[in-house]
Amino acid sequence: QVQLVESGGGLVQPGGSLRLSCAASGIIFSAYTMGWYRKAPGKRLELVATIANGGKTHYADSVKGRFTISTDNTKNTVYLQMNSLKPEDTAVYSCNADHAVRRGYWGKGTLVTVSS
């Protein structure tokens, strides 16, 4: 059974930092492009960041310079380091594994709330 399990969400003050983790099981981690998406209340699903198996990264303009995506292939885990958090970063953050020819997978998400 394929599972993507996110963790690390919580309440943080504006300007603070948080690190999200996504632990994958049941897939060959290196064969997928891993990504983080977020869904804020009243807004559409947004791609936050991706990292390909070759290490190439992509970030949404809204998070460039503040967020960093990385992987630990030995642990089948992808991370999202979030710095200088803003209230508008508040959302449910979900992990995604995307394959070129096979189906992709989603985690259930972890809530990040940025508020004073």
C-alpha atoms as a PDB file:
ATOM      1  CA  GLN A   1       0.000   0.000   0.000  1.00  0.00           C
ATOM      2  CA  VAL A   2       1.371   3.385  -1.031  1.00  0.00           C
ATOM      3  CA  GLN A   3       1.335   6.004   1.694  1.00  0.00           C
ATOM      4  CA  LEU A   4       2.454   9.609   1.923  1.00  0.00           C
ATOM      5  CA  VAL A   5       2.293  10.910   5.479  1.00  0.00           C
ATOM      6  CA  GLU A   6       2.846  14.593   6.204  1.00  0.00           C
ATOM      7  CA  SER A   7       3.887  15.996   9.550  1.00  0.00           C
ATOM      8  CA  GLY A   8       5.261  19.181  11.069  1.00  0.00           C
ATOM      9  CA  GLY A   9       2.328  21.524  10.684  1.00  0.00           C
ATOM     10  CA  GLY A  10       1.137  23.746  13.476  1.00  0.00           C
ATOM     11  CA  LEU A  11       0.670  27.292  14.703  1.00  0.00           C
ATOM     12  CA  VAL A  12       3.498  29.762  14.169  1.00  0.00           C
ATOM     13  CA  GLN A  13       3.822  33.534  14.460  1.00  0.00           C
ATOM     14  CA  PRO A  14       4.476  35.727  11.414  1.00  0.00           C
ATOM     15  CA  GLY A  15       8.185  35.754  10.648  1.00  0.00           C
ATOM     16  CA  GLY A  16       8.660  32.356  12.204  1.00  0.00           C
ATOM     17  CA  SER A  17       9.812  29.086  10.695  1.00  0.00           C
ATOM     18  CA  LEU A  18       8.443  25.601  10.321  1.00  0.00           C
ATOM     19  CA  ARG A  19       9.658  22.412   8.659  1.00  0.00           C
ATOM     20  CA  LEU A  20       7.229  20.000   7.065  1.00  0.00           C
ATOM     21  CA  SER A  21       8.051  16.362   6.405  1.00  0.00           C
ATOM     22  CA  CYS A  22       6.497  13.851   4.034  1.00  0.00           C
ATOM     23  CA  ALA A  23       7.399  10.220   4.556  1.00  0.00           C
ATOM     24  CA  ALA A  24       6.679   7.981   1.577  1.00  0.00           C
ATOM     25  CA  SER A  25       6.301   4.216   1.549  1.00  0.00           C
ATOM     26  CA  GLY A  26       5.373   1.689  -1.117  1.00  0.00           C
ATOM     27  CA  ILE A  27       7.003   3.564  -4.010  1.00  0.00           C
ATOM     28  CA  ILE A  28      10.461   3.893  -5.492  1.00  0.00           C
ATOM     29  CA  PHE A  29      11.110   7.368  -4.179  1.00  0.00           C
ATOM     30  CA  SER A  30      13.775   8.303  -6.718  1.00  0.00           C
ATOM     31  CA  ALA A  31      11.427   7.597  -9.653  1.00  0.00           C
ATOM     32  CA  TYR A  32       9.060  10.414  -8.701  1.00  0.00           C
ATOM     33  CA  THR A  33       9.037  14.153  -8.752  1.00  0.00           C
ATOM     34  CA  MET A  34       8.072  15.149  -5.236  1.00  0.00           C
ATOM     35  CA  GLY A  35       6.123  18.263  -4.478  1.00  0.00           C
ATOM     36  CA  TRP A  36       4.247  20.307  -1.938  1.00  0.00           C
ATOM     37  CA  TYR A  37       0.876  21.871  -2.647  1.00  0.00           C
ATOM     38  CA  ARG A  38      -1.282  24.018  -0.438  1.00  0.00           C
ATOM     39  CA  LYS A  39      -4.952  24.861  -0.189  1.00  0.00           C
ATOM     40  CA  ALA A  40      -6.028  27.950   1.692  1.00  0.00           C
ATOM     41  CA  PRO A  41      -9.661  28.653   2.566  1.00  0.00           C
ATOM     42  CA  GLY A  42     -11.409  30.289  -0.375  1.00  0.00           C
ATOM     43  CA  LYS A  43      -8.452  29.822  -2.708  1.00  0.00           C
ATOM     44  CA  ARG A  44      -7.525  27.291  -5.355  1.00  0.00           C
ATOM     45  CA  LEU A  45      -4.973  24.553  -4.879  1.00  0.00           C
ATOM     46  CA  GLU A  46      -1.511  26.021  -5.372  1.00  0.00           C
ATOM     47  CA  LEU A  47       1.759  24.378  -6.290  1.00  0.00           C
ATOM     48  CA  VAL A  48       4.336  25.469  -3.720  1.00  0.00           C
ATOM     49  CA  ALA A  49       7.511  23.612  -4.660  1.00  0.00           C
ATOM     50  CA  THR A  50       8.763  20.536  -6.495  1.00  0.00           C
ATOM     51  CA  ILE A  51      11.992  18.597  -6.632  1.00  0.00           C
ATOM     52  CA  ALA A  52      12.873  16.110  -9.363  1.00  0.00           C
ATOM     53  CA  ASN A  53      14.997  13.008  -8.878  1.00  0.00           C
ATOM     54  CA  GLY A  54      17.928  14.832 -10.459  1.00  0.00           C
ATOM     55  CA  GLY A  55      17.671  17.579  -7.866  1.00  0.00           C
ATOM     56  CA  LYS A  56      16.058  20.274 -10.012  1.00  0.00           C
ATOM     57  CA  THR A  57      13.727  22.439  -7.943  1.00  0.00           C
ATOM     58  CA  HIS A  58      10.838  24.739  -8.733  1.00  0.00           C
ATOM     59  CA  TYR A  59       9.132  27.250  -6.465  1.00  0.00           C
ATOM     60  CA  ALA A  60       6.048  29.370  -6.664  1.00  0.00           C
ATOM     61  CA  ASP A  61       6.895  33.059  -6.902  1.00  0.00           C
ATOM     62  CA  SER A  62       5.110  33.667  -3.623  1.00  0.00           C
ATOM     63  CA  VAL A  63       7.553  31.487  -1.675  1.00  0.00           C
ATOM     64  CA  LYS A  64      10.848  31.981  -3.519  1.00  0.00           C
ATOM     65  CA  GLY A  65      13.625  32.932  -1.150  1.00  0.00           C
ATOM     66  CA  ARG A  66      11.624  31.805   1.874  1.00  0.00           C
ATOM     67  CA  PHE A  67      10.881  28.108   1.331  1.00  0.00           C
ATOM     68  CA  THR A  68      13.290  25.286   0.519  1.00  0.00           C
ATOM     69  CA  ILE A  69      12.348  21.807  -0.667  1.00  0.00           C
ATOM     70  CA  SER A  70      14.746  18.926  -0.120  1.00  0.00           C
ATOM     71  CA  THR A  71      14.804  15.147   0.083  1.00  0.00           C
ATOM     72  CA  ASP A  72      16.487  12.424   2.055  1.00  0.00           C
ATOM     73  CA  ASN A  73      16.345   9.453  -0.284  1.00  0.00           C
ATOM     74  CA  THR A  74      17.617   7.031   2.346  1.00  0.00           C
ATOM     75  CA  LYS A  75      14.527   7.842   4.409  1.00  0.00           C
ATOM     76  CA  ASN A  76      12.108   8.251   1.470  1.00  0.00           C
ATOM     77  CA  THR A  77      11.262  11.637   2.915  1.00  0.00           C
ATOM     78  CA  VAL A  78      10.751  15.065   1.383  1.00  0.00           C
ATOM     79  CA  TYR A  79      10.963  18.246   3.445  1.00  0.00           C
ATOM     80  CA  LEU A  80       9.710  21.771   3.115  1.00  0.00           C
ATOM     81  CA  GLN A  81      11.620  24.297   5.196  1.00  0.00           C
ATOM     82  CA  MET A  82       9.481  27.402   5.566  1.00  0.00           C
ATOM     83  CA  ASN A  83      11.072  30.616   6.803  1.00  0.00           C
ATOM     84  CA  SER A  84       9.774  34.170   7.176  1.00  0.00           C
ATOM     85  CA  LEU A  85       6.237  32.876   7.303  1.00  0.00           C
ATOM     86  CA  LYS A  86       3.373  35.205   6.502  1.00  0.00           C
ATOM     87  CA  PRO A  87      -0.315  34.997   7.427  1.00  0.00           C
ATOM     88  CA  GLU A  88      -1.108  34.335   3.766  1.00  0.00           C
ATOM     89  CA  ASP A  89       0.922  31.120   4.000  1.00  0.00           C
ATOM     90  CA  THR A  90      -1.834  29.670   6.168  1.00  0.00           C
ATOM     91  CA  ALA A  91      -3.130  26.569   4.404  1.00  0.00           C
ATOM     92  CA  VAL A  92      -3.320  22.816   4.399  1.00  0.00           C
ATOM     93  CA  TYR A  93      -0.060  21.596   2.892  1.00  0.00           C
ATOM     94  CA  SER A  94      -0.153  18.314   1.000  1.00  0.00           C
ATOM     95  CA  CYS A  95       2.638  16.117  -0.300  1.00  0.00           C
ATOM     96  CA  ASN A  96       2.527  14.788  -3.859  1.00  0.00           C
ATOM     97  CA  ALA A  97       4.491  12.128  -5.726  1.00  0.00           C
ATOM     98  CA  ASP A  98       4.302  12.466  -9.500  1.00  0.00           C
ATOM     99  CA  HIS A  99       5.507   9.808 -11.954  1.00  0.00           C
ATOM    100  CA  ALA A 100       6.056  10.334 -15.676  1.00  0.00           C
ATOM    101  CA  VAL A 101       3.956   7.349 -16.791  1.00  0.00           C
ATOM    102  CA  ARG A 102       2.410   5.806 -13.670  1.00  0.00           C
ATOM    103  CA  ARG A 103      -0.226   7.231 -11.373  1.00  0.00           C
ATOM    104  CA  GLY A 104       0.661   9.786  -8.765  1.00  0.00           C
ATOM    105  CA  TYR A 105      -0.098   9.859  -5.060  1.00  0.00           C
ATOM    106  CA  TRP A 106      -1.215  12.356  -2.441  1.00  0.00           C
ATOM    107  CA  GLY A 107      -0.919  12.629   1.290  1.00  0.00           C
ATOM    108  CA  LYS A 108      -3.786  13.767   3.488  1.00  0.00           C
ATOM    109  CA  GLY A 109      -2.180  17.086   4.357  1.00  0.00           C
ATOM    110  CA  THR A 110      -0.975  18.980   7.402  1.00  0.00           C
ATOM    111  CA  LEU A 111      -2.333  22.324   8.576  1.00  0.00           C
ATOM    112  CA  VAL A 112      -0.054  25.339   8.845  1.00  0.00           C
ATOM    113  CA  THR A 113      -1.479  28.383  10.605  1.00  0.00           C
ATOM    114  CA  VAL A 114       0.493  31.632  10.644  1.00  0.00           C
ATOM    115  CA  SER A 115      -1.039  34.050  13.106  1.00  0.00           C
ATOM    116  CA  SER A 116      -0.244  36.320  16.019  1.00  0.00           C
END
